């Protein structure tokens, strides 16, 4: 009984650590891309605003 409970707790802890590790790795990989994505979105918005603005007039 106690062994089964301990195995379940250990398995759950291992799963939480695995998820945390994957999330940390994903964050480390994606963090440098965030400024690039923000820049691309901003440039796209400016491009859309300028060309849509010119065509509407």
N, C-alpha and C. Protein backbone atom coordinates (compact mmCIF):
# COMPACT_ATOMS: atom_id res chain seq x y z
N UNK A 1 0.84 -1.20 0.00
CA UNK A 1 0.00 0.00 0.00
C UNK A 1 0.88 1.26 0.00
N UNK A 2 1.78 1.33 0.98
CA UNK A 2 2.65 2.50 1.10
C UNK A 2 3.60 2.60 -0.09
N UNK A 3 4.07 1.46 -0.57
CA UNK A 3 4.99 1.42 -1.71
C UNK A 3 4.29 1.94 -2.97
N UNK A 4 3.03 1.53 -3.14
CA UNK A 4 2.26 1.96 -4.30
C UNK A 4 2.04 3.49 -4.27
N UNK A 5 1.73 4.01 -3.10
CA UNK A 5 1.53 5.45 -2.92
C UNK A 5 2.83 6.21 -3.21
N UNK A 6 3.94 5.68 -2.68
CA UNK A 6 5.24 6.31 -2.88
C UNK A 6 5.62 6.32 -4.37
N UNK A 7 5.32 5.23 -5.07
CA UNK A 7 5.61 5.14 -6.50
C UNK A 7 4.78 6.15 -7.27
N UNK A 8 3.51 6.31 -6.88
CA UNK A 8 2.64 7.29 -7.53
C UNK A 8 3.13 8.71 -7.32
N UNK A 9 3.53 9.02 -6.09
CA UNK A 9 4.05 10.36 -5.78
C UNK A 9 5.34 10.62 -6.54
N UNK A 10 6.23 9.63 -6.58
CA UNK A 10 7.49 9.76 -7.29
C UNK A 10 7.25 9.95 -8.80
N UNK A 11 6.30 9.18 -9.34
CA UNK A 11 5.96 9.30 -10.76
C UNK A 11 5.39 10.68 -11.08
N UNK A 12 4.53 11.17 -10.21
CA UNK A 12 3.95 12.51 -10.41
C UNK A 12 5.02 13.58 -10.33
N UNK A 13 5.93 13.45 -9.39
CA UNK A 13 7.02 14.42 -9.24
C UNK A 13 7.92 14.40 -10.47
N UNK A 14 8.21 13.22 -10.97
CA UNK A 14 9.03 13.07 -12.17
C UNK A 14 8.34 13.71 -13.38
N UNK A 15 7.03 13.52 -13.50
CA UNK A 15 6.26 14.11 -14.59
C UNK A 15 6.28 15.63 -14.51
N UNK A 16 6.11 16.17 -13.30
CA UNK A 16 6.14 17.63 -13.10
C UNK A 16 7.51 18.19 -13.47
N UNK A 17 8.58 17.51 -13.05
CA UNK A 17 9.94 17.94 -13.38
C UNK A 17 10.19 17.88 -14.89
N UNK A 18 9.67 16.85 -15.54
CA UNK A 18 9.83 16.70 -16.99
C UNK A 18 9.13 17.84 -17.72
N UNK A 19 7.88 18.13 -17.32
CA UNK A 19 7.12 19.22 -17.93
C UNK A 19 7.82 20.55 -17.70
N UNK A 20 8.31 20.77 -16.48
CA UNK A 20 9.02 22.01 -16.15
C UNK A 20 10.30 22.13 -16.98
N UNK A 21 11.01 21.04 -17.16
CA UNK A 21 12.24 21.05 -17.96
C UNK A 21 11.96 21.37 -19.42
N UNK A 22 10.91 20.77 -19.98
CA UNK A 22 10.53 21.03 -21.37
C UNK A 22 10.09 22.48 -21.53
N UNK A 23 9.30 22.98 -20.58
CA UNK A 23 8.85 24.37 -20.64
C UNK A 23 10.03 25.33 -20.54
N UNK A 24 10.99 25.02 -19.69
CA UNK A 24 12.18 25.86 -19.54
C UNK A 24 13.01 25.87 -20.84
N UNK A 25 13.17 24.70 -21.43
CA UNK A 25 13.94 24.59 -22.68
C UNK A 25 13.23 25.36 -23.80
N UNK A 26 11.91 25.23 -23.88
CA UNK A 26 11.15 25.95 -24.89
C UNK A 26 11.28 27.46 -24.68
N UNK A 27 11.24 27.89 -23.44
CA UNK A 27 11.39 29.32 -23.13
C UNK A 27 12.76 29.82 -23.54
N UNK A 28 13.81 29.05 -23.22
CA UNK A 28 15.18 29.43 -23.56
C UNK A 28 15.36 29.53 -25.07
N UNK A 29 14.69 28.64 -25.82
CA UNK A 29 14.81 28.66 -27.28
C UNK A 29 13.98 29.77 -27.91
N UNK A 30 12.81 30.05 -27.36
CA UNK A 30 11.89 31.02 -27.97
C UNK A 30 12.12 32.45 -27.51
N UNK A 31 12.74 32.65 -26.35
CA UNK A 31 12.94 34.00 -25.81
C UNK A 31 13.71 34.91 -26.78
N UNK A 32 14.78 34.46 -27.43
CA UNK A 32 15.47 35.35 -28.38
C UNK A 32 14.62 35.73 -29.59
N UNK A 33 13.60 34.93 -29.90
CA UNK A 33 12.77 35.19 -31.08
C UNK A 33 11.68 36.23 -30.83
N UNK A 34 11.38 36.50 -29.56
CA UNK A 34 10.28 37.42 -29.23
C UNK A 34 10.50 38.82 -29.81
N UNK A 35 11.67 39.44 -29.64
CA UNK A 35 11.87 40.78 -30.25
C UNK A 35 11.74 40.76 -31.77
N UNK A 36 12.18 39.66 -32.40
CA UNK A 36 12.06 39.54 -33.86
C UNK A 36 10.59 39.48 -34.25
N UNK A 37 9.80 38.69 -33.52
CA UNK A 37 8.37 38.58 -33.81
C UNK A 37 7.67 39.92 -33.62
N UNK A 38 8.00 40.64 -32.54
CA UNK A 38 7.40 41.95 -32.28
C UNK A 38 7.76 42.92 -33.40
N UNK A 39 9.02 42.89 -33.84
CA UNK A 39 9.47 43.76 -34.94
C UNK A 39 8.72 43.44 -36.22
N UNK A 40 8.57 42.15 -36.53
CA UNK A 40 7.86 41.76 -37.75
C UNK A 40 6.40 42.19 -37.71
N UNK A 41 5.77 42.03 -36.57
CA UNK A 41 4.37 42.45 -36.43
C UNK A 41 4.25 43.96 -36.58
N UNK A 42 5.18 44.71 -35.97
CA UNK A 42 5.16 46.17 -36.07
C UNK A 42 5.38 46.62 -37.52
N UNK A 43 6.35 46.02 -38.20
CA UNK A 43 6.62 46.37 -39.60
C UNK A 43 5.43 46.02 -40.49
N UNK A 44 4.82 44.88 -40.23
CA UNK A 44 3.63 44.48 -40.98
C UNK A 44 2.49 45.46 -40.77
N UNK A 45 2.31 45.93 -39.53
CA UNK A 45 1.25 46.89 -39.22
C UNK A 45 1.52 48.23 -39.93
N UNK A 46 2.77 48.67 -39.91
CA UNK A 46 3.13 49.93 -40.59
C UNK A 46 2.92 49.80 -42.09
N UNK A 47 3.38 48.68 -42.66
CA UNK A 47 3.21 48.41 -44.09
C UNK A 47 1.73 48.43 -44.47
N UNK A 48 0.92 47.69 -43.68
CA UNK A 48 -0.51 47.61 -43.96
C UNK A 48 -1.16 48.99 -43.85
N UNK A 49 -0.78 49.74 -42.83
CA UNK A 49 -1.36 51.07 -42.59
C UNK A 49 -1.02 52.02 -43.74
N UNK A 50 0.24 52.03 -44.18
CA UNK A 50 0.67 52.94 -45.25
C UNK A 50 -0.02 52.58 -46.56
N UNK A 51 0.05 51.31 -46.97
CA UNK A 51 -0.49 50.93 -48.28
C UNK A 51 -2.01 50.95 -48.31
N UNK A 52 -2.64 50.56 -47.21
CA UNK A 52 -4.12 50.64 -47.14
C UNK A 52 -4.55 52.11 -47.11
N UNK A 53 -3.78 52.91 -46.39
CA UNK A 53 -4.10 54.35 -46.29
C UNK A 53 -3.99 55.04 -47.63
N UNK A 54 -2.95 54.70 -48.42
CA UNK A 54 -2.76 55.32 -49.74
C UNK A 54 -3.86 54.89 -50.69
N UNK A 55 -4.23 53.60 -50.65
CA UNK A 55 -5.24 53.08 -51.59
C UNK A 55 -6.63 53.60 -51.28
N UNK A 56 -6.91 53.92 -50.03
CA UNK A 56 -8.25 54.41 -49.68
C UNK A 56 -8.47 55.84 -50.12
N UNK A 57 -7.39 56.61 -50.28
CA UNK A 57 -7.54 58.02 -50.65
C UNK A 57 -7.78 58.19 -52.14
